[in-house]
PDB file of N, CA and C in Angstrom:
ATOM      1  N   MET A   1     101.946 -21.392   4.558  1.00  0.00           N
ATOM      2  CA  MET A   1     102.728 -22.559   4.978  1.00  0.00           C
ATOM      3  C   MET A   1     104.214 -22.096   5.379  1.00  0.00           C
ATOM      4  N   ARG A   2     104.613 -22.298   6.533  1.00  0.00           N
ATOM      5  CA  ARG A   2     105.884 -21.986   6.873  1.00  0.00           C
ATOM      6  C   ARG A   2     107.066 -22.828   6.352  1.00  0.00           C
ATOM      7  N   GLN A   3     108.106 -22.407   6.078  1.00  0.00           N
ATOM      8  CA  GLN A   3     109.382 -22.936   5.833  1.00  0.00           C
ATOM      9  C   GLN A   3     110.542 -22.954   6.628  1.00  0.00           C
ATOM     10  N   TYR A   4     111.063 -24.111   6.832  1.00  0.00           N
ATOM     11  CA  TYR A   4     112.189 -24.145   7.686  1.00  0.00           C
ATOM     12  C   TYR A   4     113.354 -24.875   6.791  1.00  0.00           C
ATOM     13  N   TYR A   5     114.609 -24.446   7.064  1.00  0.00           N
ATOM     14  CA  TYR A   5     115.793 -25.009   6.441  1.00  0.00           C
ATOM     15  C   TYR A   5     116.976 -25.306   7.350  1.00  0.00           C
ATOM     16  N   ILE A   6     117.728 -26.372   6.945  1.00  0.00           N
ATOM     17  CA  ILE A   6     119.094 -26.686   7.511  1.00  0.00           C
ATOM     18  C   ILE A   6     119.899 -26.067   6.292  1.00  0.00           C
ATOM     19  N   TYR A   7     121.092 -25.783   6.805  1.00  0.00           N
ATOM     20  CA  TYR A   7     122.174 -24.868   5.912  1.00  0.00           C
ATOM     21  C   TYR A   7     123.345 -25.236   6.373  1.00  0.00           C
ATOM     22  N   ILE A   8     124.494 -25.061   5.361  1.00  0.00           N
ATOM     23  CA  ILE A   8     125.841 -25.122   5.652  1.00  0.00           C
ATOM     24  C   ILE A   8     126.462 -23.934   5.305  1.00  0.00           C
ATOM     25  N   MET A   9     127.402 -23.409   6.263  1.00  0.00           N
ATOM     26  CA  MET A   9     128.025 -22.101   5.999  1.00  0.00           C
ATOM     27  C   MET A   9     129.468 -22.694   5.900  1.00  0.00           C
ATOM     28  N   SER A  10     130.276 -21.730   5.052  1.00  0.00           N
ATOM     29  CA  SER A  10     131.608 -22.243   5.058  1.00  0.00           C
ATOM     30  C   SER A  10     132.485 -20.789   4.851  1.00  0.00           C
ATOM     31  N   ASN A  11     133.829 -20.847   5.025  1.00  0.00           N
ATOM     32  CA  ASN A  11     134.760 -19.781   4.772  1.00  0.00           C
ATOM     33  C   ASN A  11     135.366 -19.707   3.523  1.00  0.00           C
ATOM     34  N   LYS A  12     135.455 -21.084   2.881  1.00  0.00           N
ATOM     35  CA  LYS A  12     136.141 -21.089   1.454  1.00  0.00           C
ATOM     36  C   LYS A  12     135.787 -22.675   1.141  1.00  0.00           C
ATOM     37  N   LYS A  13     136.333 -22.967  -0.277  1.00  0.00           N
ATOM     38  CA  LYS A  13     136.165 -24.301  -0.712  1.00  0.00           C
ATOM     39  C   LYS A  13     136.871 -25.015   0.227  1.00  0.00           C
ATOM     40  N   ASN A  14     136.254 -26.241   0.690  1.00  0.00           N
ATOM     41  CA  ASN A  14     136.809 -27.232   1.321  1.00  0.00           C
ATOM     42  C   ASN A  14     137.314 -26.816   2.800  1.00  0.00           C
ATOM     43  N   GLY A  15     136.756 -25.741   3.050  1.00  0.00           N
ATOM     44  CA  GLY A  15     137.264 -25.046   4.476  1.00  0.00           C
ATOM     45  C   GLY A  15     136.517 -25.630   5.418  1.00  0.00           C
ATOM     46  N   THR A  16     136.462 -24.660   6.483  1.00  0.00           N
ATOM     47  CA  THR A  16     135.473 -24.859   7.725  1.00  0.00           C
ATOM     48  C   THR A  16     134.144 -25.004   7.410  1.00  0.00           C
ATOM     49  N   ILE A  17     133.337 -25.686   8.234  1.00  0.00           N
ATOM     50  CA  ILE A  17     131.978 -25.613   7.763  1.00  0.00           C
ATOM     51  C   ILE A  17     131.270 -25.767   9.030  1.00  0.00           C
ATOM     52  N   TYR A  18     129.856 -25.205   9.046  1.00  0.00           N
ATOM     53  CA  TYR A  18     128.984 -25.208  10.074  1.00  0.00           C
ATOM     54  C   TYR A  18     127.762 -25.507   9.490  1.00  0.00           C
ATOM     55  N   VAL A  19     126.897 -26.598  10.363  1.00  0.00           N
ATOM     56  CA  VAL A  19     125.533 -26.804   9.963  1.00  0.00           C
ATOM     57  C   VAL A  19     124.552 -26.130  10.973  1.00  0.00           C
ATOM     58  N   GLY A  20     123.302 -25.517  10.290  1.00  0.00           N
ATOM     59  CA  GLY A  20     122.470 -25.081  11.352  1.00  0.00           C
ATOM     60  C   GLY A  20     121.182 -25.190  10.958  1.00  0.00           C
ATOM     61  N   VAL A  21     120.212 -24.713  11.491  1.00  0.00           N
ATOM     62  CA  VAL A  21     118.780 -24.534  11.169  1.00  0.00           C
ATOM     63  C   VAL A  21     118.060 -23.425  11.452  1.00  0.00           C
ATOM     64  N   THR A  22     117.220 -23.015  10.717  1.00  0.00           N
ATOM     65  CA  THR A  22     116.454 -21.822  10.805  1.00  0.00           C
ATOM     66  C   THR A  22     115.033 -21.808  10.075  1.00  0.00           C
ATOM     67  N   ASN A  23     114.276 -20.720  10.746  1.00  0.00           N
ATOM     68  CA  ASN A  23     112.742 -20.643   9.883  1.00  0.00           C
ATOM     69  C   ASN A  23     113.109 -19.358   8.922  1.00  0.00           C
ATOM     70  N   ASP A  24     114.290 -18.846   8.884  1.00  0.00           N
ATOM     71  CA  ASP A  24     114.291 -17.723   8.053  1.00  0.00           C
ATOM     72  C   ASP A  24     115.608 -17.624   7.446  1.00  0.00           C
ATOM     73  N   LEU A  25     115.831 -18.256   6.343  1.00  0.00           N
ATOM     74  CA  LEU A  25     117.195 -18.399   5.772  1.00  0.00           C
ATOM     75  C   LEU A  25     118.012 -17.232   5.437  1.00  0.00           C
ATOM     76  N   VAL A  26     117.396 -16.039   4.699  1.00  0.00           N
ATOM     77  CA  VAL A  26     117.846 -14.835   4.378  1.00  0.00           C
ATOM     78  C   VAL A  26     118.272 -14.126   5.508  1.00  0.00           C
ATOM     79  N   ARG A  27     117.420 -13.957   6.568  1.00  0.00           N
ATOM     80  CA  ARG A  27     117.928 -13.162   7.951  1.00  0.00           C
ATOM     81  C   ARG A  27     119.016 -14.034   8.390  1.00  0.00           C
ATOM     82  N   ARG A  28     119.093 -15.300   8.593  1.00  0.00           N
ATOM     83  CA  ARG A  28     120.012 -16.072   9.388  1.00  0.00           C
ATOM     84  C   ARG A  28     121.443 -15.904   8.553  1.00  0.00           C
ATOM     85  N   VAL A  29     121.395 -16.263   7.230  1.00  0.00           N
ATOM     86  CA  VAL A  29     122.538 -15.890   6.690  1.00  0.00           C
ATOM     87  C   VAL A  29     122.950 -14.641   6.645  1.00  0.00           C
ATOM     88  N   SER A  30     122.343 -13.735   6.540  1.00  0.00           N
ATOM     89  CA  SER A  30     122.743 -12.142   6.742  1.00  0.00           C
ATOM     90  C   SER A  30     123.399 -12.015   8.045  1.00  0.00           C
ATOM     91  N   GLU A  31     122.835 -12.447   9.195  1.00  0.00           N
ATOM     92  CA  GLU A  31     123.406 -12.287  10.468  1.00  0.00           C
ATOM     93  C   GLU A  31     124.803 -13.042  10.496  1.00  0.00           C
ATOM     94  N   HIS A  32     124.857 -14.304   9.816  1.00  0.00           N
ATOM     95  CA  HIS A  32     126.433 -14.776   9.741  1.00  0.00           C
ATOM     96  C   HIS A  32     127.269 -13.844   8.739  1.00  0.00           C
ATOM     97  N   LYS A  33     126.885 -13.403   7.739  1.00  0.00           N
ATOM     98  CA  LYS A  33     127.759 -12.610   6.876  1.00  0.00           C
ATOM     99  C   LYS A  33     128.112 -11.499   7.589  1.00  0.00           C
ATOM    100  N   ASN A  34     127.290 -10.899   8.516  1.00  0.00           N
ATOM    101  CA  ASN A  34     127.782  -9.494   9.108  1.00  0.00           C
ATOM    102  C   ASN A  34     128.253  -9.675  10.417  1.00  0.00           C
ATOM    103  N   GLY A  35     128.914 -10.794  10.876  1.00  0.00           N
ATOM    104  CA  GLY A  35     129.053 -11.211  12.055  1.00  0.00           C
ATOM    105  C   GLY A  35     128.517 -10.952  13.202  1.00  0.00           C
ATOM    106  N   LEU A  36     126.928 -11.169  13.179  1.00  0.00           N
ATOM    107  CA  LEU A  36     126.256 -10.610  14.141  1.00  0.00           C
ATOM    108  C   LEU A  36     125.913 -12.004  15.118  1.00  0.00           C
ATOM    109  N   VAL A  37     126.355 -13.036  14.697  1.00  0.00           N
ATOM    110  CA  VAL A  37     126.498 -14.076  15.399  1.00  0.00           C
ATOM    111  C   VAL A  37     127.472 -14.656  16.292  1.00  0.00           C
ATOM    112  N   GLU A  38     127.472 -14.599  17.626  1.00  0.00           N
ATOM    113  CA  GLU A  38     128.759 -14.630  18.422  1.00  0.00           C
ATOM    114  C   GLU A  38     129.097 -16.376  18.217  1.00  0.00           C
ATOM    115  N   GLY A  39     130.287 -16.701  18.225  1.00  0.00           N
ATOM    116  CA  GLY A  39     130.552 -18.133  18.336  1.00  0.00           C
ATOM    117  C   GLY A  39     131.270 -18.645  17.384  1.00  0.00           C
ATOM    118  N   PHE A  40     131.255 -19.955  17.068  1.00  0.00           N
ATOM    119  CA  PHE A  40     131.776 -20.611  16.293  1.00  0.00           C
ATOM    120  C   PHE A  40     131.991 -19.741  14.486  1.00  0.00           C
ATOM    121  N   THR A  41     130.731 -19.677  14.043  1.00  0.00           N
ATOM    122  CA  THR A  41     130.690 -19.022  12.630  1.00  0.00           C
ATOM    123  C   THR A  41     131.349 -17.725  12.700  1.00  0.00           C
ATOM    124  N   LYS A  42     131.230 -16.831  13.769  1.00  0.00           N
ATOM    125  CA  LYS A  42     132.213 -15.586  13.765  1.00  0.00           C
ATOM    126  C   LYS A  42     133.489 -15.803  13.900  1.00  0.00           C
ATOM    127  N   LYS A  43     133.944 -16.440  14.750  1.00  0.00           N
ATOM    128  CA  LYS A  43     135.392 -16.800  15.134  1.00  0.00           C
ATOM    129  C   LYS A  43     136.027 -17.392  13.896  1.00  0.00           C
ATOM    130  N   HIS A  44     135.524 -18.295  12.929  1.00  0.00           N
ATOM    131  CA  HIS A  44     135.770 -18.761  11.860  1.00  0.00           C
ATOM    132  C   HIS A  44     135.596 -18.163  10.472  1.00  0.00           C
ATOM    133  N   ALA A  45     134.984 -17.099  10.572  1.00  0.00           N
ATOM    134  CA  ALA A  45     134.516 -16.352   9.462  1.00  0.00           C
ATOM    135  C   ALA A  45     133.991 -17.150   8.479  1.00  0.00           C
ATOM    136  N   LEU A  46     132.777 -17.781   8.866  1.00  0.00           N
ATOM    137  CA  LEU A  46     132.006 -18.521   7.997  1.00  0.00           C
ATOM    138  C   LEU A  46     130.815 -17.539   7.334  1.00  0.00           C
ATOM    139  N   LYS A  47     131.243 -17.096   6.052  1.00  0.00           N
ATOM    140  CA  LYS A  47     129.952 -16.073   5.622  1.00  0.00           C
ATOM    141  C   LYS A  47     129.620 -16.917   4.115  1.00  0.00           C
ATOM    142  N   ASN A  48     129.834 -18.050   3.899  1.00  0.00           N
ATOM    143  CA  ASN A  48     129.281 -18.322   2.560  1.00  0.00           C
ATOM    144  C   ASN A  48     128.381 -19.457   2.676  1.00  0.00           C
ATOM    145  N   LEU A  49     127.335 -19.211   2.159  1.00  0.00           N
ATOM    146  CA  LEU A  49     126.306 -20.235   2.318  1.00  0.00           C
ATOM    147  C   LEU A  49     126.411 -21.299   1.217  1.00  0.00           C
ATOM    148  N   VAL A  50     126.950 -22.524   1.681  1.00  0.00           N
ATOM    149  CA  VAL A  50     127.357 -23.419   0.447  1.00  0.00           C
ATOM    150  C   VAL A  50     126.237 -24.457   0.162  1.00  0.00           C
ATOM    151  N   TYR A  51     125.375 -24.759   1.014  1.00  0.00           N
ATOM    152  CA  TYR A  51     124.237 -25.875   0.904  1.00  0.00           C
ATOM    153  C   TYR A  51     123.132 -25.456   1.889  1.00  0.00           C
ATOM    154  N   PHE A  52     121.800 -25.800   1.152  1.00  0.00           N
ATOM    155  CA  PHE A  52     120.579 -25.557   1.967  1.00  0.00           C
ATOM    156  C   PHE A  52     119.585 -26.722   1.727  1.00  0.00           C
ATOM    157  N   GLU A  53     118.540 -26.939   2.478  1.00  0.00           N
ATOM    158  CA  GLU A  53     117.610 -27.791   2.402  1.00  0.00           C
ATOM    159  C   GLU A  53     116.349 -27.325   2.938  1.00  0.00           C
ATOM    160  N   PRO A  54     115.254 -27.167   2.263  1.00  0.00           N
ATOM    161  CA  PRO A  54     114.015 -26.592   2.701  1.00  0.00           C
ATOM    162  C   PRO A  54     113.262 -27.716   3.273  1.00  0.00           C
ATOM    163  N   PHE A  55     112.316 -27.537   4.418  1.00  0.00           N
ATOM    164  CA  PHE A  55     111.303 -28.422   5.229  1.00  0.00           C
ATOM    165  C   PHE A  55     110.182 -27.875   5.356  1.00  0.00           C
ATOM    166  N   ASP A  56     109.186 -28.309   5.517  1.00  0.00           N
ATOM    167  CA  ASP A  56     107.941 -27.935   5.741  1.00  0.00           C
ATOM    168  C   ASP A  56     107.513 -28.062   7.124  1.00  0.00           C
ATOM    169  N   SER A  57     108.341 -28.875   8.124  1.00  0.00           N
ATOM    170  CA  SER A  57     108.048 -28.895   9.596  1.00  0.00           C
ATOM    171  C   SER A  57     109.395 -28.582  10.303  1.00  0.00           C
ATOM    172  N   ILE A  58     109.352 -27.961  11.376  1.00  0.00           N
ATOM    173  CA  ILE A  58     110.699 -27.750  12.208  1.00  0.00           C
ATOM    174  C   ILE A  58     111.197 -28.899  12.553  1.00  0.00           C
ATOM    175  N   GLU A  59     110.268 -30.018  12.937  1.00  0.00           N
ATOM    176  CA  GLU A  59     110.663 -31.147  13.484  1.00  0.00           C
ATOM    177  C   GLU A  59     111.716 -32.073  12.261  1.00  0.00           C
ATOM    178  N   GLY A  60     111.046 -31.936  11.178  1.00  0.00           N
ATOM    179  CA  GLY A  60     111.825 -32.404   9.896  1.00  0.00           C
ATOM    180  C   GLY A  60     113.244 -31.632   9.894  1.00  0.00           C
ATOM    181  N   ALA A  61     113.316 -30.561   9.946  1.00  0.00           N
ATOM    182  CA  ALA A  61     114.404 -29.629   9.699  1.00  0.00           C
ATOM    183  C   ALA A  61     115.609 -30.023  10.966  1.00  0.00           C
ATOM    184  N   ILE A  62     114.934 -30.487  12.088  1.00  0.00           N
ATOM    185  CA  ILE A  62     115.868 -30.711  13.259  1.00  0.00           C
ATOM    186  C   ILE A  62     116.316 -31.977  13.160  1.00  0.00           C
ATOM    187  N   VAL A  63     115.479 -32.775  12.805  1.00  0.00           N
ATOM    188  CA  VAL A  63     116.041 -34.384  12.692  1.00  0.00           C
ATOM    189  C   VAL A  63     117.174 -34.305  11.541  1.00  0.00           C
ATOM    190  N   ARG A  64     116.919 -33.539  10.326  1.00  0.00           N
ATOM    191  CA  ARG A  64     117.976 -33.470   9.274  1.00  0.00           C
ATOM    192  C   ARG A  64     119.221 -33.137   9.905  1.00  0.00           C
ATOM    193  N   GLU A  65     119.178 -31.708  10.651  1.00  0.00           N
ATOM    194  CA  GLU A  65     120.320 -31.189  11.245  1.00  0.00           C
ATOM    195  C   GLU A  65     121.227 -32.055  12.157  1.00  0.00           C
ATOM    196  N   LYS A  66     120.460 -32.753  12.988  1.00  0.00           N
ATOM    197  CA  LYS A  66     121.289 -33.506  13.873  1.00  0.00           C
ATOM    198  C   LYS A  66     121.724 -34.523  13.118  1.00  0.00           C
ATOM    199  N   GLN A  67     121.197 -35.258  12.226  1.00  0.00           N
ATOM    200  CA  GLN A  67     122.005 -36.308  11.228  1.00  0.00           C
ATOM    201  C   GLN A  67     123.227 -35.835  10.407  1.00  0.00           C
ATOM    202  N   LEU A  68     122.997 -34.668  10.033  1.00  0.00           N
ATOM    203  CA  LEU A  68     124.333 -34.106   9.335  1.00  0.00           C
ATOM    204  C   LEU A  68     125.366 -33.608  10.423  1.00  0.00           C
ATOM    205  N   LYS A  69     124.898 -33.192  11.876  1.00  0.00           N
ATOM    206  CA  LYS A  69     126.026 -33.139  12.552  1.00  0.00           C
ATOM    207  C   LYS A  69     126.803 -34.153  12.928  1.00  0.00           C
ATOM    208  N   LYS A  70     126.218 -35.561  12.688  1.00  0.00           N
ATOM    209  CA  LYS A  70     126.601 -36.745  13.220  1.00  0.00           C
ATOM    210  C   LYS A  70     127.578 -37.271  12.272  1.00  0.00           C
ATOM    211  N   TRP A  71     127.378 -36.734  10.983  1.00  0.00           N
ATOM    212  CA  TRP A  71     128.022 -37.350   9.686  1.00  0.00           C
ATOM    213  C   TRP A  71     129.686 -36.939   9.736  1.00  0.00           C
ATOM    214  N   ASN A  72     130.544 -37.589   9.338  1.00  0.00           N
ATOM    215  CA  ASN A  72     131.933 -37.201   9.277  1.00  0.00           C
ATOM    216  C   ASN A  72     132.067 -35.915   8.231  1.00  0.00           C
ATOM    217  N   ARG A  73     133.138 -35.342   8.099  1.00  0.00           N
ATOM    218  CA  ARG A  73     133.390 -34.177   7.250  1.00  0.00           C
ATOM    219  C   ARG A  73     133.323 -34.616   5.660  1.00  0.00           C
ATOM    220  N   ALA A  74     134.134 -35.636   5.496  1.00  0.00           N
ATOM    221  CA  ALA A  74     133.921 -36.145   4.036  1.00  0.00           C
ATOM    222  C   ALA A  74     132.554 -36.360   3.333  1.00  0.00           C
ATOM    223  N   TRP A  75     131.659 -36.851   4.307  1.00  0.00           N
ATOM    224  CA  TRP A  75     130.267 -36.902   3.922  1.00  0.00           C
ATOM    225  C   TRP A  75     129.605 -35.731   3.885  1.00  0.00           C
ATOM    226  N   LYS A  76     130.018 -34.748   4.440  1.00  0.00           N
ATOM    227  CA  LYS A  76     129.232 -33.234   4.302  1.00  0.00           C
ATOM    228  C   LYS A  76     129.803 -32.639   3.281  1.00  0.00           C
ATOM    229  N   MET A  77     131.163 -32.856   2.916  1.00  0.00           N
ATOM    230  CA  MET A  77     131.757 -32.472   1.670  1.00  0.00           C
ATOM    231  C   MET A  77     131.257 -32.773   0.430  1.00  0.00           C
ATOM    232  N   ARG A  78     131.013 -33.901   0.324  1.00  0.00           N
ATOM    233  CA  ARG A  78     130.394 -34.904  -0.606  1.00  0.00           C
ATOM    234  C   ARG A  78     128.989 -34.177  -0.777  1.00  0.00           C
ATOM    235  N   LEU A  79     128.198 -34.052   0.196  1.00  0.00           N
ATOM    236  CA  LEU A  79     126.870 -33.638   0.095  1.00  0.00           C
ATOM    237  C   LEU A  79     126.867 -32.158  -0.498  1.00  0.00           C
ATOM    238  N   ILE A  80     127.891 -31.473  -0.279  1.00  0.00           N
ATOM    239  CA  ILE A  80     127.858 -30.044  -0.621  1.00  0.00           C
ATOM    240  C   ILE A  80     128.385 -30.104  -2.260  1.00  0.00           C
ATOM    241  N   GLN A  81     129.332 -30.831  -2.473  1.00  0.00           N
ATOM    242  CA  GLN A  81     129.879 -30.970  -3.831  1.00  0.00           C
ATOM    243  C   GLN A  81     128.890 -31.596  -4.859  1.00  0.00           C
ATOM    244  N   GLN A  82     127.717 -32.167  -4.260  1.00  0.00           N
ATOM    245  CA  GLN A  82     126.688 -32.686  -5.236  1.00  0.00           C
ATOM    246  C   GLN A  82     125.847 -31.626  -5.925  1.00  0.00           C
ATOM    247  N   THR A  83     125.703 -30.742  -5.301  1.00  0.00           N
ATOM    248  CA  THR A  83     125.029 -29.538  -5.873  1.00  0.00           C
ATOM    249  C   THR A  83     125.763 -28.133  -5.962  1.00  0.00           C
ATOM    250  N   ASN A  84     126.858 -28.169  -5.518  1.00  0.00           N
ATOM    251  CA  ASN A  84     127.639 -26.976  -5.508  1.00  0.00           C
ATOM    252  C   ASN A  84     129.149 -27.167  -5.550  1.00  0.00           C
ATOM    253  N   MET A  85     129.342 -27.822  -6.717  1.00  0.00           N
ATOM    254  CA  MET A  85     130.967 -28.315  -6.955  1.00  0.00           C
ATOM    255  C   MET A  85     131.881 -27.327  -6.470  1.00  0.00           C
ATOM    256  N   ASP A  86     131.763 -26.153  -6.811  1.00  0.00           N
ATOM    257  CA  ASP A  86     132.798 -24.984  -6.618  1.00  0.00           C
ATOM    258  C   ASP A  86     132.583 -24.308  -5.120  1.00  0.00           C
ATOM    259  N   TRP A  87     131.640 -24.768  -4.488  1.00  0.00           N
ATOM    260  CA  TRP A  87     131.326 -24.267  -3.091  1.00  0.00           C
ATOM    261  C   TRP A  87     131.024 -22.749  -3.216  1.00  0.00           C
ATOM    262  N   HIS A  88     130.399 -22.240  -4.404  1.00  0.00           N
ATOM    263  CA  HIS A  88     129.972 -20.827  -4.560  1.00  0.00           C
ATOM    264  C   HIS A  88     128.999 -20.438  -3.366  1.00  0.00           C
ATOM    265  N   ASP A  89     128.934 -19.071  -3.041  1.00  0.00           N
ATOM    266  CA  ASP A  89     128.183 -18.578  -1.971  1.00  0.00           C
ATOM    267  C   ASP A  89     126.577 -18.535  -2.680  1.00  0.00           C
ATOM    268  N   LEU A  90     125.617 -19.238  -2.219  1.00  0.00           N
ATOM    269  CA  LEU A  90     124.410 -19.432  -2.685  1.00  0.00           C
ATOM    270  C   LEU A  90     123.549 -18.262  -2.045  1.00  0.00           C
ATOM    271  N   PHE A  91     124.075 -17.110  -1.426  1.00  0.00           N
ATOM    272  CA  PHE A  91     123.128 -16.188  -0.871  1.00  0.00           C
ATOM    273  C   PHE A  91     122.239 -15.567  -1.894  1.00  0.00           C
ATOM    274  N   ALA A  92     122.959 -15.161  -3.193  1.00  0.00           N
ATOM    275  CA  ALA A  92     122.098 -14.427  -4.036  1.00  0.00           C
ATOM    276  C   ALA A  92     120.986 -15.247  -4.527  1.00  0.00           C
ATOM    277  N   GLU A  93     121.055 -16.405  -4.516  1.00  0.00           N
ATOM    278  CA  GLU A  93     120.048 -17.218  -5.043  1.00  0.00           C
ATOM    279  C   GLU A  93     118.711 -17.229  -4.107  1.00  0.00           C
ATOM    280  N   ILE A  94     118.988 -16.882  -2.951  1.00  0.00           N
ATOM    281  CA  ILE A  94     117.985 -16.843  -1.916  1.00  0.00           C
ATOM    282  C   ILE A  94     117.372 -15.481  -1.583  1.00  0.00           C
ATOM    283  N   VAL A  95     118.147 -14.352  -1.991  1.00  0.00           N
ATOM    284  CA  VAL A  95     117.611 -13.200  -1.757  1.00  0.00           C
ATOM    285  C   VAL A  95     116.441 -12.845  -2.425  1.00  0.00           C
ATOM    286  N   PRO A  96     115.371 -12.634  -1.984  1.00  0.00           N
ATOM    287  CA  PRO A  96     114.072 -12.042  -2.878  1.00  0.00           C
ATOM    288  C   PRO A  96     114.600 -10.967  -3.604  1.00  0.00           C
TER     289      PRO A  96
END
């Protein structure tokens, strides 16, 4: 069964944040960390994975991503802090 993810990248605690969706979280976060993704995340040096949620369907992941993108910043920050109070980089937790 394939897994899909929504994820939030940041550059520091309480810093700039980006919400994305992927079917390969390790690969996608690695791309952000290595500056391989042109655009917003590269421009703002968003290299820390601070939050993620798994989904069994791409449809569910996309619905959640769109929901989070509509949220205001305070709500997103609260979501991150519920499971990652200090905004630690969670990449080490997902690397096999």
